[in-house]
Amino acid sequence: MVLDLPEEKGTYCIVFRLNSFSFTTRGRKRFSLKEGLYVYVGSAFGTGGLRGRILRHLKKDKPKHWHFDFITTHPSFEPLEIWLFEEQKVECKVASLIGETAEPVNGFGSTDCSCPSHL
């Protein structure tokens, strides 16, 4: 995947394929994911902006800090597309819209908001 990512801050979506697997996060939350296509919605308003955050997600060798790190370090993780919303804080809105047409993974990636899921 060739990436030309902006340094601006914003919201992003990573569309990916994954084989079935289960894992437990550092906070002891357990997730079981089925084989299929997924969309993860995140935001990058800190240091490094969109480029820094997305490149970190795509690294295989890293400490597992966020829920999504448990997925991105799995051998079957295959990123397919990246959608960007530069300079827009729309993470929860986008996650909600995607959740209307796809089955959300409850409690995933939404520990700092009231959304049911960001996956």
Protein backbone atom coordinates (compact mmCIF):
# COMPACT_ATOMS: atom_id res chain seq x y z
CA MET A 1 0.00 0.00 0.00
CA VAL A 2 1.54 3.31 -1.12
CA LEU A 3 0.76 6.10 1.31
CA ASP A 4 0.88 9.84 0.86
CA LEU A 5 -0.47 10.95 4.21
CA PRO A 6 -0.94 14.56 5.33
CA GLU A 7 0.57 15.95 8.52
CA GLU A 8 -2.69 17.74 9.34
CA LYS A 9 -4.81 16.61 12.24
CA GLY A 10 -8.18 14.99 11.65
CA THR A 11 -10.31 11.87 11.60
CA TYR A 12 -9.50 8.70 9.67
CA CYS A 13 -10.95 5.32 8.78
CA ILE A 14 -8.89 2.23 8.05
CA VAL A 15 -10.71 -0.44 6.04
CA PHE A 16 -9.13 -3.86 6.51
CA ARG A 17 -9.55 -7.60 6.16
CA LEU A 18 -8.95 -9.95 9.09
CA ASN A 19 -9.10 -13.67 9.91
CA SER A 20 -11.02 -14.80 13.00
CA PHE A 21 -9.26 -14.37 16.33
CA SER A 22 -9.83 -13.42 19.95
CA PHE A 23 -7.79 -11.25 22.28
CA THR A 24 -7.88 -9.56 25.65
CA THR A 25 -6.83 -5.91 25.98
CA ARG A 26 -4.61 -4.44 28.68
CA GLY A 27 -7.82 -3.38 30.43
CA ARG A 28 -8.94 -7.03 30.47
CA LYS A 29 -11.67 -6.50 27.88
CA ARG A 30 -12.20 -9.57 25.67
CA PHE A 31 -13.04 -9.36 21.96
CA SER A 32 -13.77 -12.18 19.50
CA LEU A 33 -13.68 -11.10 15.87
CA LYS A 34 -15.03 -13.09 12.93
CA GLU A 35 -13.23 -13.32 9.61
CA GLY A 36 -14.27 -10.44 7.39
CA LEU A 37 -14.00 -6.80 6.40
CA TYR A 38 -13.89 -4.10 9.07
CA VAL A 39 -13.68 -0.32 9.32
CA TYR A 40 -11.88 1.28 12.25
CA VAL A 41 -12.62 4.96 12.90
CA GLY A 42 -10.07 7.02 14.81
CA SER A 43 -8.84 10.55 15.30
CA ALA A 44 -5.42 12.14 15.22
CA PHE A 45 -5.42 15.50 16.96
CA GLY A 46 -2.16 15.02 18.86
CA THR A 47 1.48 15.21 17.88
CA GLY A 48 2.16 13.72 14.46
CA GLY A 49 -1.33 14.28 13.07
CA LEU A 50 -2.86 11.87 10.59
CA ARG A 51 0.47 10.74 9.14
CA GLY A 52 1.97 9.85 12.52
CA ARG A 53 -1.09 8.04 13.83
CA ILE A 54 -1.81 6.01 10.71
CA LEU A 55 1.83 5.02 10.18
CA ARG A 56 1.93 3.83 13.79
CA HIS A 57 -1.19 1.75 13.24
CA LEU A 58 0.36 0.12 10.18
CA LYS A 59 3.57 -0.90 12.03
CA LYS A 60 3.56 -4.55 13.08
CA ASP A 61 6.18 -4.25 15.83
CA LYS A 62 4.96 -1.86 18.55
CA PRO A 63 3.68 -1.81 22.11
CA LYS A 64 -0.04 -2.58 22.32
CA HIS A 65 -1.53 0.62 23.71
CA TRP A 66 -4.91 1.05 21.94
CA HIS A 67 -7.53 -1.64 21.25
CA PHE A 68 -6.70 -1.36 17.55
CA ASP A 69 -3.05 -2.31 18.21
CA PHE A 70 -4.17 -5.85 19.05
CA ILE A 71 -5.66 -6.10 15.55
CA THR A 72 -2.94 -4.33 13.57
CA THR A 73 -0.23 -6.58 15.02
CA HIS A 74 -2.14 -9.76 14.14
CA PRO A 75 -0.58 -11.63 11.16
CA SER A 76 -3.86 -11.63 9.18
CA PHE A 77 -4.40 -7.84 9.40
CA GLU A 78 -4.58 -6.59 5.79
CA PRO A 79 -5.23 -2.85 5.33
CA LEU A 80 -7.19 -2.13 2.15
CA GLU A 81 -8.14 1.56 2.19
CA ILE A 82 -7.68 4.68 4.29
CA TRP A 83 -10.26 7.46 4.34
CA LEU A 84 -9.27 10.89 5.67
CA PHE A 85 -11.24 13.81 7.06
CA GLU A 86 -8.55 16.48 7.40
CA GLU A 87 -9.08 19.11 10.08
CA GLN A 88 -12.46 17.59 10.97
CA LYS A 89 -13.39 16.21 14.39
CA VAL A 90 -16.04 13.75 13.16
CA GLU A 91 -14.85 10.44 14.67
CA CYS A 92 -18.05 9.70 16.59
CA LYS A 93 -20.33 10.88 13.76
CA VAL A 94 -18.57 8.67 11.19
CA ALA A 95 -18.52 5.67 13.55
CA SER A 96 -22.24 6.16 14.16
CA LEU A 97 -23.05 6.33 10.43
CA ILE A 98 -21.03 3.21 9.67
CA GLY A 99 -22.70 1.47 12.62
CA GLU A 100 -26.10 2.06 11.01
CA THR A 101 -25.20 -0.17 8.05
CA ALA A 102 -22.71 -2.62 9.56
CA GLU A 103 -22.55 -4.60 12.79
CA PRO A 104 -20.43 -2.70 15.34
CA VAL A 105 -18.06 -4.52 17.67
CA ASN A 106 -19.49 -3.24 20.95
CA GLY A 107 -17.06 -1.46 23.27
CA PHE A 108 -14.20 -1.38 20.77
CA GLY A 109 -12.11 1.78 20.56
CA SER A 110 -14.67 3.99 22.23
CA THR A 111 -13.50 4.11 25.83
CA ASP A 112 -13.18 7.92 25.78
CA CYS A 113 -16.69 8.65 24.42
CA SER A 114 -20.25 7.36 24.66
CA CYS A 115 -20.27 5.60 21.27
CA PRO A 116 -21.06 1.88 21.26
CA SER A 117 -18.05 1.23 19.00
CA HIS A 118 -15.48 2.68 16.63
CA LEU A 119 -15.10 -0.67 14.80
